[in-house]
N, C-alpha and C. Protein backbone atom coordinates (compact mmCIF):
# COMPACT_ATOMS: atom_id res chain seq x y z
N UNK A 1 46.99 -111.94 -27.34
CA UNK A 1 46.30 -111.76 -26.07
C UNK A 1 46.92 -112.72 -25.06
N UNK A 2 47.12 -112.24 -23.84
CA UNK A 2 47.68 -113.07 -22.79
C UNK A 2 46.56 -113.80 -22.06
N UNK A 3 46.95 -114.78 -21.25
CA UNK A 3 45.95 -115.52 -20.46
C UNK A 3 45.25 -114.58 -19.47
N UNK A 4 46.01 -113.65 -18.86
CA UNK A 4 45.38 -112.71 -17.93
C UNK A 4 44.33 -111.85 -18.63
N UNK A 5 44.66 -111.38 -19.83
CA UNK A 5 43.69 -110.58 -20.58
C UNK A 5 42.49 -111.43 -20.97
N UNK A 6 42.73 -112.67 -21.34
CA UNK A 6 41.62 -113.57 -21.70
C UNK A 6 40.72 -113.82 -20.50
N UNK A 7 41.32 -114.08 -19.33
CA UNK A 7 40.52 -114.34 -18.12
C UNK A 7 39.65 -113.14 -17.74
N UNK A 8 40.14 -111.94 -18.01
CA UNK A 8 39.35 -110.74 -17.73
C UNK A 8 38.13 -110.67 -18.64
N UNK A 9 38.26 -111.17 -19.86
CA UNK A 9 37.19 -111.05 -20.85
C UNK A 9 36.22 -112.23 -20.86
N UNK A 10 36.63 -113.36 -20.35
CA UNK A 10 35.79 -114.57 -20.41
C UNK A 10 34.41 -114.35 -19.78
N UNK A 11 34.28 -113.76 -18.59
CA UNK A 11 32.92 -113.57 -18.04
C UNK A 11 32.04 -112.70 -18.94
N UNK A 12 32.63 -111.69 -19.58
CA UNK A 12 31.85 -110.83 -20.47
C UNK A 12 31.43 -111.58 -21.73
N UNK A 13 32.30 -112.43 -22.23
CA UNK A 13 31.97 -113.24 -23.40
C UNK A 13 30.84 -114.21 -23.05
N UNK A 14 30.95 -114.84 -21.89
CA UNK A 14 29.92 -115.80 -21.46
C UNK A 14 28.57 -115.10 -21.25
N UNK A 15 28.61 -113.84 -20.82
CA UNK A 15 27.37 -113.08 -20.60
C UNK A 15 26.86 -112.41 -21.87
N UNK A 16 27.56 -112.67 -22.98
CA UNK A 16 27.18 -112.12 -24.28
C UNK A 16 27.25 -110.60 -24.32
N UNK A 17 28.19 -110.03 -23.58
CA UNK A 17 28.31 -108.57 -23.56
C UNK A 17 29.68 -108.08 -24.00
N UNK A 18 30.48 -108.95 -24.57
CA UNK A 18 31.80 -108.55 -25.06
C UNK A 18 31.68 -108.08 -26.50
N UNK A 19 32.20 -106.89 -26.82
CA UNK A 19 32.13 -106.42 -28.21
C UNK A 19 32.76 -107.44 -29.16
N UNK A 20 32.25 -107.50 -30.37
CA UNK A 20 32.66 -108.52 -31.34
C UNK A 20 34.17 -108.56 -31.60
N UNK A 21 34.84 -107.42 -31.77
CA UNK A 21 36.30 -107.51 -32.02
C UNK A 21 37.06 -108.15 -30.84
N UNK A 22 36.64 -107.82 -29.62
CA UNK A 22 37.29 -108.42 -28.45
C UNK A 22 36.96 -109.90 -28.34
N UNK A 23 35.72 -110.25 -28.69
CA UNK A 23 35.32 -111.66 -28.68
C UNK A 23 36.14 -112.47 -29.67
N UNK A 24 36.37 -111.89 -30.84
CA UNK A 24 37.18 -112.59 -31.85
C UNK A 24 38.61 -112.77 -31.36
N UNK A 25 39.15 -111.73 -30.72
CA UNK A 25 40.51 -111.83 -30.19
C UNK A 25 40.57 -112.88 -29.08
N UNK A 26 39.55 -112.92 -28.24
CA UNK A 26 39.50 -113.91 -27.16
C UNK A 26 39.47 -115.32 -27.75
N UNK A 27 38.60 -115.54 -28.71
CA UNK A 27 38.51 -116.87 -29.32
C UNK A 27 39.81 -117.25 -30.02
N UNK A 28 40.48 -116.26 -30.62
CA UNK A 28 41.77 -116.53 -31.22
C UNK A 28 42.79 -117.03 -30.21
N UNK A 29 42.73 -116.50 -29.00
CA UNK A 29 43.63 -116.95 -27.94
C UNK A 29 43.19 -118.33 -27.42
N UNK A 30 41.90 -118.48 -27.18
CA UNK A 30 41.37 -119.70 -26.57
C UNK A 30 41.64 -120.93 -27.43
N UNK A 31 41.63 -120.76 -28.74
CA UNK A 31 41.88 -121.89 -29.65
C UNK A 31 43.21 -122.56 -29.34
N UNK A 32 44.20 -121.77 -28.94
CA UNK A 32 45.52 -122.35 -28.69
C UNK A 32 45.89 -122.49 -27.23
N UNK A 33 44.96 -122.27 -26.31
CA UNK A 33 45.29 -122.31 -24.88
C UNK A 33 44.29 -123.20 -24.14
N UNK A 34 44.73 -124.37 -23.72
CA UNK A 34 43.84 -125.31 -23.05
C UNK A 34 43.31 -124.78 -21.72
N UNK A 35 44.14 -124.06 -20.96
CA UNK A 35 43.71 -123.51 -19.68
C UNK A 35 42.54 -122.54 -19.87
N UNK A 36 42.69 -121.64 -20.82
CA UNK A 36 41.62 -120.67 -21.09
C UNK A 36 40.40 -121.33 -21.72
N UNK A 37 40.61 -122.39 -22.49
CA UNK A 37 39.49 -123.15 -23.05
C UNK A 37 38.62 -123.68 -21.91
N UNK A 38 39.28 -124.25 -20.90
CA UNK A 38 38.54 -124.80 -19.77
C UNK A 38 37.77 -123.73 -19.02
N UNK A 39 38.40 -122.57 -18.83
CA UNK A 39 37.71 -121.48 -18.13
C UNK A 39 36.53 -120.96 -18.95
N UNK A 40 36.72 -120.87 -20.27
CA UNK A 40 35.63 -120.40 -21.12
C UNK A 40 34.47 -121.39 -21.10
N UNK A 41 34.76 -122.68 -21.19
CA UNK A 41 33.70 -123.70 -21.15
C UNK A 41 32.94 -123.63 -19.83
N UNK A 42 33.68 -123.50 -18.72
CA UNK A 42 33.03 -123.43 -17.40
C UNK A 42 32.15 -122.18 -17.29
N UNK A 43 32.65 -121.05 -17.79
CA UNK A 43 31.87 -119.81 -17.72
C UNK A 43 30.63 -119.90 -18.61
N UNK A 44 30.77 -120.47 -19.79
CA UNK A 44 29.62 -120.62 -20.68
C UNK A 44 28.58 -121.56 -20.07
N UNK A 45 29.04 -122.65 -19.47
CA UNK A 45 28.13 -123.60 -18.83
C UNK A 45 27.38 -122.92 -17.68
N UNK A 46 28.11 -122.17 -16.86
CA UNK A 46 27.48 -121.47 -15.74
C UNK A 46 26.45 -120.47 -16.25
N UNK A 47 26.80 -119.70 -17.27
CA UNK A 47 25.85 -118.74 -17.84
C UNK A 47 24.60 -119.41 -18.35
N UNK A 48 24.78 -120.55 -19.04
CA UNK A 48 23.63 -121.29 -19.56
C UNK A 48 22.76 -121.80 -18.41
N UNK A 49 23.38 -122.33 -17.36
CA UNK A 49 22.62 -122.85 -16.23
C UNK A 49 21.88 -121.73 -15.50
N UNK A 50 22.51 -120.57 -15.36
CA UNK A 50 21.84 -119.45 -14.71
C UNK A 50 20.65 -118.96 -15.52
N UNK A 51 20.83 -118.82 -16.84
CA UNK A 51 19.70 -118.39 -17.67
C UNK A 51 18.55 -119.40 -17.60
N UNK A 52 18.87 -120.68 -17.60
CA UNK A 52 17.83 -121.71 -17.52
C UNK A 52 17.12 -121.65 -16.17
N UNK A 53 17.88 -121.43 -15.10
CA UNK A 53 17.28 -121.35 -13.76
C UNK A 53 16.35 -120.14 -13.66
N UNK A 54 16.77 -119.00 -14.18
CA UNK A 54 15.91 -117.81 -14.14
C UNK A 54 14.67 -118.00 -15.00
N UNK A 55 14.79 -118.71 -16.10
CA UNK A 55 13.63 -118.96 -16.96
C UNK A 55 12.59 -119.83 -16.26
N UNK A 56 13.03 -120.67 -15.33
CA UNK A 56 12.10 -121.55 -14.62
C UNK A 56 11.41 -120.85 -13.44
N UNK A 57 11.91 -119.71 -13.01
CA UNK A 57 11.30 -119.01 -11.88
C UNK A 57 9.91 -118.53 -12.25
N UNK A 58 8.96 -118.73 -11.35
CA UNK A 58 7.61 -118.23 -11.64
C UNK A 58 7.57 -116.72 -11.47
N UNK A 59 6.74 -116.08 -12.24
CA UNK A 59 6.55 -114.64 -12.08
C UNK A 59 5.64 -114.37 -10.90
N UNK A 60 5.44 -113.13 -10.56
CA UNK A 60 4.54 -112.82 -9.45
C UNK A 60 3.10 -113.17 -9.84
N UNK A 61 2.29 -113.51 -8.86
CA UNK A 61 0.89 -113.82 -9.16
C UNK A 61 0.18 -112.62 -9.77
N UNK A 62 -0.85 -112.87 -10.56
CA UNK A 62 -1.60 -111.79 -11.23
C UNK A 62 -2.16 -110.81 -10.21
N UNK A 63 -2.51 -111.29 -9.04
CA UNK A 63 -3.08 -110.39 -8.03
C UNK A 63 -2.09 -109.32 -7.59
N UNK A 64 -0.80 -109.62 -7.70
CA UNK A 64 0.22 -108.63 -7.34
C UNK A 64 0.12 -107.43 -8.28
N UNK A 65 0.07 -107.71 -9.58
CA UNK A 65 -0.02 -106.62 -10.55
C UNK A 65 -1.34 -105.87 -10.42
N UNK A 66 -2.42 -106.58 -10.12
CA UNK A 66 -3.71 -105.92 -9.92
C UNK A 66 -3.66 -105.00 -8.71
N UNK A 67 -3.00 -105.43 -7.64
CA UNK A 67 -2.88 -104.60 -6.44
C UNK A 67 -2.05 -103.35 -6.72
N UNK A 68 -0.98 -103.51 -7.47
CA UNK A 68 -0.14 -102.36 -7.82
C UNK A 68 -0.94 -101.38 -8.68
N UNK A 69 -1.65 -101.89 -9.66
CA UNK A 69 -2.45 -101.02 -10.53
C UNK A 69 -3.52 -100.29 -9.74
N UNK A 70 -4.17 -100.99 -8.82
CA UNK A 70 -5.24 -100.37 -8.03
C UNK A 70 -4.69 -99.24 -7.17
N UNK A 71 -3.48 -99.38 -6.68
CA UNK A 71 -2.89 -98.34 -5.82
C UNK A 71 -2.40 -97.14 -6.61
N UNK A 72 -2.06 -97.33 -7.87
CA UNK A 72 -1.49 -96.22 -8.64
C UNK A 72 -2.48 -95.50 -9.54
N UNK A 73 -3.62 -96.12 -9.87
CA UNK A 73 -4.59 -95.45 -10.73
C UNK A 73 -5.09 -94.20 -10.03
N UNK A 74 -5.00 -93.10 -10.73
CA UNK A 74 -5.44 -91.82 -10.17
C UNK A 74 -4.37 -91.12 -9.37
N UNK A 75 -3.27 -91.80 -9.11
CA UNK A 75 -2.19 -91.19 -8.33
C UNK A 75 -1.34 -90.29 -9.21
N UNK A 76 -0.88 -89.22 -8.64
CA UNK A 76 0.04 -88.34 -9.35
C UNK A 76 1.44 -88.90 -9.19
N UNK A 77 2.07 -89.23 -10.30
CA UNK A 77 3.40 -89.81 -10.26
C UNK A 77 4.49 -88.75 -10.24
N UNK A 78 4.22 -87.63 -10.87
CA UNK A 78 5.20 -86.55 -10.95
C UNK A 78 4.45 -85.24 -11.14
N UNK A 79 4.82 -84.24 -10.37
CA UNK A 79 4.21 -82.93 -10.54
C UNK A 79 5.30 -81.88 -10.38
N UNK A 80 5.36 -80.98 -11.35
CA UNK A 80 6.36 -79.92 -11.35
C UNK A 80 5.62 -78.60 -11.49
N UNK A 81 5.90 -77.69 -10.60
CA UNK A 81 5.29 -76.37 -10.67
C UNK A 81 6.33 -75.29 -10.55
N UNK A 82 6.19 -74.26 -11.35
CA UNK A 82 7.07 -73.09 -11.28
C UNK A 82 6.20 -71.85 -11.31
N UNK A 83 6.64 -70.84 -10.61
CA UNK A 83 5.89 -69.59 -10.65
C UNK A 83 5.88 -68.91 -9.30
N UNK A 84 4.91 -68.02 -9.15
CA UNK A 84 4.78 -67.23 -7.92
C UNK A 84 3.30 -67.07 -7.60
N UNK A 85 3.01 -66.17 -6.69
CA UNK A 85 1.62 -65.89 -6.31
C UNK A 85 0.83 -65.29 -7.47
N UNK A 86 1.55 -64.66 -8.38
CA UNK A 86 0.88 -63.96 -9.49
C UNK A 86 0.62 -64.90 -10.66
N UNK A 87 1.66 -65.63 -11.09
CA UNK A 87 1.51 -66.50 -12.25
C UNK A 87 2.36 -67.75 -12.07
N UNK A 88 1.89 -68.88 -12.59
CA UNK A 88 2.65 -70.11 -12.48
C UNK A 88 2.23 -71.12 -13.52
N UNK A 89 3.04 -72.16 -13.65
CA UNK A 89 2.80 -73.25 -14.58
C UNK A 89 2.99 -74.55 -13.83
N UNK A 90 2.07 -75.49 -14.01
CA UNK A 90 2.16 -76.80 -13.38
C UNK A 90 2.00 -77.87 -14.45
N UNK A 91 2.90 -78.87 -14.44
CA UNK A 91 2.80 -80.04 -15.30
C UNK A 91 2.75 -81.26 -14.40
N UNK A 92 1.88 -82.21 -14.72
CA UNK A 92 1.73 -83.41 -13.89
C UNK A 92 1.59 -84.65 -14.76
N UNK A 93 2.13 -85.76 -14.27
CA UNK A 93 1.99 -87.06 -14.91
C UNK A 93 1.29 -87.96 -13.90
N UNK A 94 0.23 -88.63 -14.34
CA UNK A 94 -0.53 -89.49 -13.45
C UNK A 94 -0.81 -90.84 -14.10
N UNK A 95 -1.20 -91.80 -13.29
CA UNK A 95 -1.54 -93.14 -13.77
C UNK A 95 -3.05 -93.22 -14.00
N UNK A 96 -3.43 -93.85 -15.13
CA UNK A 96 -4.83 -94.09 -15.43
C UNK A 96 -5.01 -95.57 -15.72
N UNK A 97 -6.24 -96.01 -15.90
CA UNK A 97 -6.50 -97.42 -16.20
C UNK A 97 -5.90 -97.83 -17.53
N UNK A 98 -5.76 -96.88 -18.45
CA UNK A 98 -5.25 -97.23 -19.78
C UNK A 98 -3.80 -96.81 -20.00
N UNK A 99 -3.14 -96.27 -19.01
CA UNK A 99 -1.75 -95.86 -19.19
C UNK A 99 -1.39 -94.69 -18.30
N UNK A 100 -0.97 -93.60 -18.92
CA UNK A 100 -0.56 -92.41 -18.20
C UNK A 100 -1.27 -91.20 -18.75
N UNK A 101 -1.43 -90.20 -17.92
CA UNK A 101 -1.99 -88.93 -18.37
C UNK A 101 -0.99 -87.83 -18.08
N UNK A 102 -0.97 -86.84 -18.94
CA UNK A 102 -0.12 -85.66 -18.74
C UNK A 102 -1.05 -84.46 -18.76
N UNK A 103 -0.97 -83.63 -17.73
CA UNK A 103 -1.79 -82.44 -17.67
C UNK A 103 -0.91 -81.24 -17.37
N UNK A 104 -1.39 -80.10 -17.79
CA UNK A 104 -0.70 -78.85 -17.51
C UNK A 104 -1.70 -77.75 -17.28
N UNK A 105 -1.33 -76.83 -16.41
CA UNK A 105 -2.23 -75.71 -16.15
C UNK A 105 -1.42 -74.46 -15.84
N UNK A 106 -2.04 -73.32 -16.14
CA UNK A 106 -1.49 -72.02 -15.79
C UNK A 106 -2.30 -71.47 -14.64
N UNK A 107 -1.64 -70.79 -13.75
CA UNK A 107 -2.39 -70.10 -12.70
C UNK A 107 -2.07 -68.61 -12.80
N UNK A 108 -3.13 -67.81 -12.84
CA UNK A 108 -3.01 -66.36 -12.92
C UNK A 108 -3.80 -65.75 -11.77
N UNK A 109 -3.10 -65.08 -10.91
CA UNK A 109 -3.72 -64.43 -9.75
C UNK A 109 -4.59 -65.40 -8.96
N UNK A 110 -4.07 -66.62 -8.76
CA UNK A 110 -4.76 -67.61 -7.95
C UNK A 110 -5.81 -68.40 -8.69
N UNK A 111 -6.06 -68.09 -9.94
CA UNK A 111 -7.08 -68.79 -10.72
C UNK A 111 -6.37 -69.76 -11.67
N UNK A 112 -6.73 -71.04 -11.58
CA UNK A 112 -6.08 -72.07 -12.39
C UNK A 112 -6.82 -72.30 -13.69
N UNK A 113 -6.05 -72.34 -14.80
CA UNK A 113 -6.62 -72.55 -16.13
C UNK A 113 -5.94 -73.75 -16.77
N UNK A 114 -6.68 -74.85 -17.03
CA UNK A 114 -6.07 -76.01 -17.69
C UNK A 114 -5.64 -75.64 -19.11
N UNK A 115 -4.42 -76.06 -19.48
CA UNK A 115 -3.94 -75.75 -20.82
C UNK A 115 -3.47 -76.99 -21.59
N UNK A 116 -3.34 -78.13 -20.89
CA UNK A 116 -2.84 -79.33 -21.54
C UNK A 116 -3.45 -80.56 -20.88
N UNK A 117 -3.90 -81.50 -21.73
CA UNK A 117 -4.39 -82.78 -21.22
C UNK A 117 -4.14 -83.84 -22.29
N UNK A 118 -3.25 -84.76 -21.98
CA UNK A 118 -2.92 -85.83 -22.94
C UNK A 118 -3.22 -87.16 -22.29
């Protein structure tokens, strides 16, 4: 592996997203290359510091999640309907206090008949 190839892979290795065979090849190069060793150490240190900084960030206040839940409960999140004036099918996904609901109905000559409720 060349230094250029190693430098391309170092950020991925530091982010823990480099496939194992490539990581092994990178480490094989880094063992014998002081320049790449320094870059790898700097990238690993930066990754560690970033993860630590994100871990210290506070999450949103509980009232934020309560406000979001209050706005979405009972709301239709997705509704798909196919058909015509004579016959049709409607499927809908909505938010409830305990999760999500899925409903489906058939319409025949303008009259709606529920056929699914999960």
